[in-house]
Amino acid sequence: MTATAPEQAHTGLERFPARGPRGTWPAEEHATVQCARGIHTQVVMDLSADQFLVVTDTTTQ
């Protein structure tokens, strides 16, 4: 038997294509701006869609 962590709800804030101009990190830049606004974010990769997602575990309006 294995213990599983409770599943957290995440809200997607923005999607960015994985193939961007060389040397740019738009998903990370967007996440940094959101963090500066007080919204805890993280960047995750959606492999099936070939996109980076900026998500948060807080409720956004």
C-alpha atoms as a PDB file:
ATOM      1  CA  MET A   1       0.000   0.000   0.000  1.00  0.00           C
ATOM      2  CA  THR A   2       1.347   3.403  -0.904  1.00  0.00           C
ATOM      3  CA  ALA A   3       0.301   6.732   0.501  1.00  0.00           C
ATOM      4  CA  THR A   4      -0.690   9.424  -1.942  1.00  0.00           C
ATOM      5  CA  ALA A   5      -0.572  13.135  -1.388  1.00  0.00           C
ATOM      6  CA  PRO A   6      -3.881  14.951  -1.486  1.00  0.00           C
ATOM      7  CA  GLU A   7      -4.488  16.372  -4.911  1.00  0.00           C
ATOM      8  CA  GLN A   8      -4.238  20.160  -5.061  1.00  0.00           C
ATOM      9  CA  ALA A   9      -6.373  22.230  -7.364  1.00  0.00           C
ATOM     10  CA  HIS A  10      -4.365  24.368  -9.742  1.00  0.00           C
ATOM     11  CA  THR A  11      -5.524  27.259 -11.848  1.00  0.00           C
ATOM     12  CA  GLY A  12      -3.893  27.798 -15.225  1.00  0.00           C
ATOM     13  CA  LEU A  13      -2.916  31.414 -15.730  1.00  0.00           C
ATOM     14  CA  GLU A  14      -1.265  31.339 -19.148  1.00  0.00           C
ATOM     15  CA  ARG A  15       0.035  28.958 -21.860  1.00  0.00           C
ATOM     16  CA  PHE A  16       3.223  29.417 -23.859  1.00  0.00           C
ATOM     17  CA  PRO A  17       4.481  27.334 -26.787  1.00  0.00           C
ATOM     18  CA  ALA A  18       7.527  25.241 -25.972  1.00  0.00           C
ATOM     19  CA  ARG A  19       9.215  26.399 -29.153  1.00  0.00           C
ATOM     20  CA  GLY A  20      10.069  30.034 -28.662  1.00  0.00           C
ATOM     21  CA  PRO A  21      12.855  32.245 -29.918  1.00  0.00           C
ATOM     22  CA  ARG A  22      16.247  31.116 -28.689  1.00  0.00           C
ATOM     23  CA  GLY A  23      17.240  32.671 -25.376  1.00  0.00           C
ATOM     24  CA  THR A  24      13.722  33.708 -24.346  1.00  0.00           C
ATOM     25  CA  TRP A  25      11.793  32.285 -21.427  1.00  0.00           C
ATOM     26  CA  PRO A  26       8.274  33.805 -21.695  1.00  0.00           C
ATOM     27  CA  ALA A  27       6.627  31.373 -19.263  1.00  0.00           C
ATOM     28  CA  GLU A  28       9.233  32.021 -16.576  1.00  0.00           C
ATOM     29  CA  GLU A  29       9.041  35.772 -17.187  1.00  0.00           C
ATOM     30  CA  HIS A  30       5.250  35.694 -16.800  1.00  0.00           C
ATOM     31  CA  ALA A  31       5.541  33.627 -13.609  1.00  0.00           C
ATOM     32  CA  THR A  32       8.051  36.130 -12.192  1.00  0.00           C
ATOM     33  CA  VAL A  33       5.652  39.020 -12.832  1.00  0.00           C
ATOM     34  CA  GLN A  34       2.824  37.136 -11.125  1.00  0.00           C
ATOM     35  CA  CYS A  35       5.031  36.352  -8.118  1.00  0.00           C
ATOM     36  CA  ALA A  36       5.900  40.053  -7.848  1.00  0.00           C
ATOM     37  CA  ARG A  37       2.134  40.694  -7.646  1.00  0.00           C
ATOM     38  CA  GLY A  38       1.882  38.244  -4.745  1.00  0.00           C
ATOM     39  CA  ILE A  39       0.509  35.269  -6.683  1.00  0.00           C
ATOM     40  CA  HIS A  40       2.537  32.105  -6.044  1.00  0.00           C
ATOM     41  CA  THR A  41       3.093  30.471  -9.441  1.00  0.00           C
ATOM     42  CA  GLN A  42       5.049  27.680 -11.013  1.00  0.00           C
ATOM     43  CA  VAL A  43       5.859  26.677 -14.567  1.00  0.00           C
ATOM     44  CA  VAL A  44       4.998  23.147 -15.656  1.00  0.00           C
ATOM     45  CA  MET A  45       5.349  21.387 -18.990  1.00  0.00           C
ATOM     46  CA  ASP A  46       2.337  19.918 -20.765  1.00  0.00           C
ATOM     47  CA  LEU A  47       4.130  17.313 -22.868  1.00  0.00           C
ATOM     48  CA  SER A  48       1.065  16.252 -24.858  1.00  0.00           C
ATOM     49  CA  ALA A  49       0.361  19.850 -25.941  1.00  0.00           C
ATOM     50  CA  ASP A  50       4.058  20.830 -26.202  1.00  0.00           C
ATOM     51  CA  GLN A  51       3.414  23.909 -24.069  1.00  0.00           C
ATOM     52  CA  PHE A  52       4.615  25.468 -20.848  1.00  0.00           C
ATOM     53  CA  LEU A  53       1.832  26.315 -18.413  1.00  0.00           C
ATOM     54  CA  VAL A  54       1.998  28.936 -15.690  1.00  0.00           C
ATOM     55  CA  VAL A  55      -0.196  27.653 -12.857  1.00  0.00           C
ATOM     56  CA  THR A  56      -1.113  28.723  -9.359  1.00  0.00           C
ATOM     57  CA  ASP A  57      -2.639  26.925  -6.400  1.00  0.00           C
ATOM     58  CA  THR A  58      -4.394  30.103  -5.265  1.00  0.00           C
ATOM     59  CA  THR A  59      -7.773  31.342  -6.412  1.00  0.00           C
ATOM     60  CA  THR A  60      -7.514  34.081  -9.032  1.00  0.00           C
ATOM     61  CA  GLN A  61     -10.137  36.522 -10.197  1.00  0.00           C
END
